[in-house]
Amino acid sequence: MSAAPALVIGLTGGIGSGKSAAADRFAAHGI
C-alpha cells in the first residue's frame, strides 16, 4: 500500500497581496 500523493498549492501575487496571510490560514487548518 502506498501513501497518497502530496497536495501542492501555489500562491502567486505581487507584494502585499496576502500570500503569507493565505499560507498562514492553510497552515492553521493543517493543509
N, C-alpha and C. Protein backbone atom coordinates (compact mmCIF):
# COMPACT_ATOMS: atom_id res chain seq x y z
N MET A 1 0.86 -1.18 0.00
CA MET A 1 0.00 0.00 0.00
C MET A 1 0.90 1.24 0.00
N SER A 2 0.65 2.17 -0.89
CA SER A 2 1.46 3.37 -0.97
C SER A 2 0.72 4.57 -0.40
N ALA A 3 1.50 5.57 -0.01
CA ALA A 3 0.91 6.79 0.55
C ALA A 3 0.28 7.62 -0.56
N ALA A 4 -0.69 8.42 -0.19
CA ALA A 4 -1.34 9.32 -1.15
C ALA A 4 -0.35 10.38 -1.59
N PRO A 5 -0.44 10.84 -2.83
CA PRO A 5 0.48 11.89 -3.29
C PRO A 5 0.26 13.19 -2.52
N ALA A 6 1.33 13.95 -2.39
CA ALA A 6 1.26 15.22 -1.67
C ALA A 6 0.45 16.24 -2.46
N LEU A 7 -0.26 17.07 -1.74
CA LEU A 7 -1.02 18.16 -2.35
C LEU A 7 -0.10 19.37 -2.46
N VAL A 8 0.03 19.91 -3.66
CA VAL A 8 0.88 21.08 -3.88
C VAL A 8 -0.01 22.26 -4.25
N ILE A 9 0.10 23.34 -3.48
CA ILE A 9 -0.68 24.55 -3.73
C ILE A 9 0.30 25.69 -3.97
N GLY A 10 0.13 26.39 -5.08
CA GLY A 10 0.99 27.54 -5.38
C GLY A 10 0.26 28.84 -5.07
N LEU A 11 0.93 29.72 -4.37
CA LEU A 11 0.38 31.04 -4.06
C LEU A 11 1.17 32.07 -4.85
N THR A 12 0.51 32.78 -5.73
CA THR A 12 1.19 33.80 -6.52
C THR A 12 0.55 35.16 -6.29
N GLY A 13 1.29 36.19 -6.56
CA GLY A 13 0.77 37.54 -6.44
C GLY A 13 1.88 38.52 -6.14
N GLY A 14 1.57 39.75 -6.24
CA GLY A 14 2.55 40.80 -6.01
C GLY A 14 2.79 41.05 -4.52
N ILE A 15 3.67 41.99 -4.27
CA ILE A 15 3.97 42.37 -2.89
C ILE A 15 2.71 42.94 -2.24
N GLY A 16 2.41 42.45 -1.03
CA GLY A 16 1.25 42.96 -0.30
C GLY A 16 -0.07 42.39 -0.76
N SER A 17 -0.04 41.27 -1.49
CA SER A 17 -1.30 40.70 -1.99
C SER A 17 -1.89 39.64 -1.07
N GLY A 18 -1.21 39.34 0.04
CA GLY A 18 -1.77 38.41 1.02
C GLY A 18 -1.30 36.97 0.91
N LYS A 19 -0.18 36.73 0.24
CA LYS A 19 0.33 35.36 0.10
C LYS A 19 0.65 34.76 1.46
N SER A 20 1.35 35.50 2.29
CA SER A 20 1.72 34.99 3.61
C SER A 20 0.49 34.77 4.48
N ALA A 21 -0.48 35.66 4.40
CA ALA A 21 -1.71 35.51 5.16
C ALA A 21 -2.46 34.25 4.72
N ALA A 22 -2.51 34.02 3.42
CA ALA A 22 -3.18 32.82 2.90
C ALA A 22 -2.43 31.57 3.35
N ALA A 23 -1.10 31.60 3.29
CA ALA A 23 -0.31 30.45 3.72
C ALA A 23 -0.52 30.18 5.20
N ASP A 24 -0.62 31.23 6.01
CA ASP A 24 -0.88 31.07 7.44
C ASP A 24 -2.24 30.43 7.68
N ARG A 25 -3.25 30.80 6.90
CA ARG A 25 -4.58 30.21 7.03
C ARG A 25 -4.55 28.72 6.70
N PHE A 26 -3.86 28.36 5.60
CA PHE A 26 -3.72 26.95 5.24
C PHE A 26 -3.05 26.19 6.37
N ALA A 27 -1.96 26.74 6.92
CA ALA A 27 -1.22 26.08 7.99
C ALA A 27 -2.08 25.92 9.23
N ALA A 28 -2.89 26.90 9.55
CA ALA A 28 -3.75 26.83 10.72
C ALA A 28 -4.77 25.71 10.60
N HIS A 29 -5.14 25.38 9.37
CA HIS A 29 -6.12 24.32 9.13
C HIS A 29 -5.45 22.99 8.82
N GLY A 30 -4.13 22.93 8.97
CA GLY A 30 -3.40 21.69 8.76
C GLY A 30 -3.25 21.29 7.31
N ILE A 31 -3.32 22.25 6.41
CA ILE A 31 -3.19 21.96 4.98
C ILE A 31 -1.78 22.30 4.54
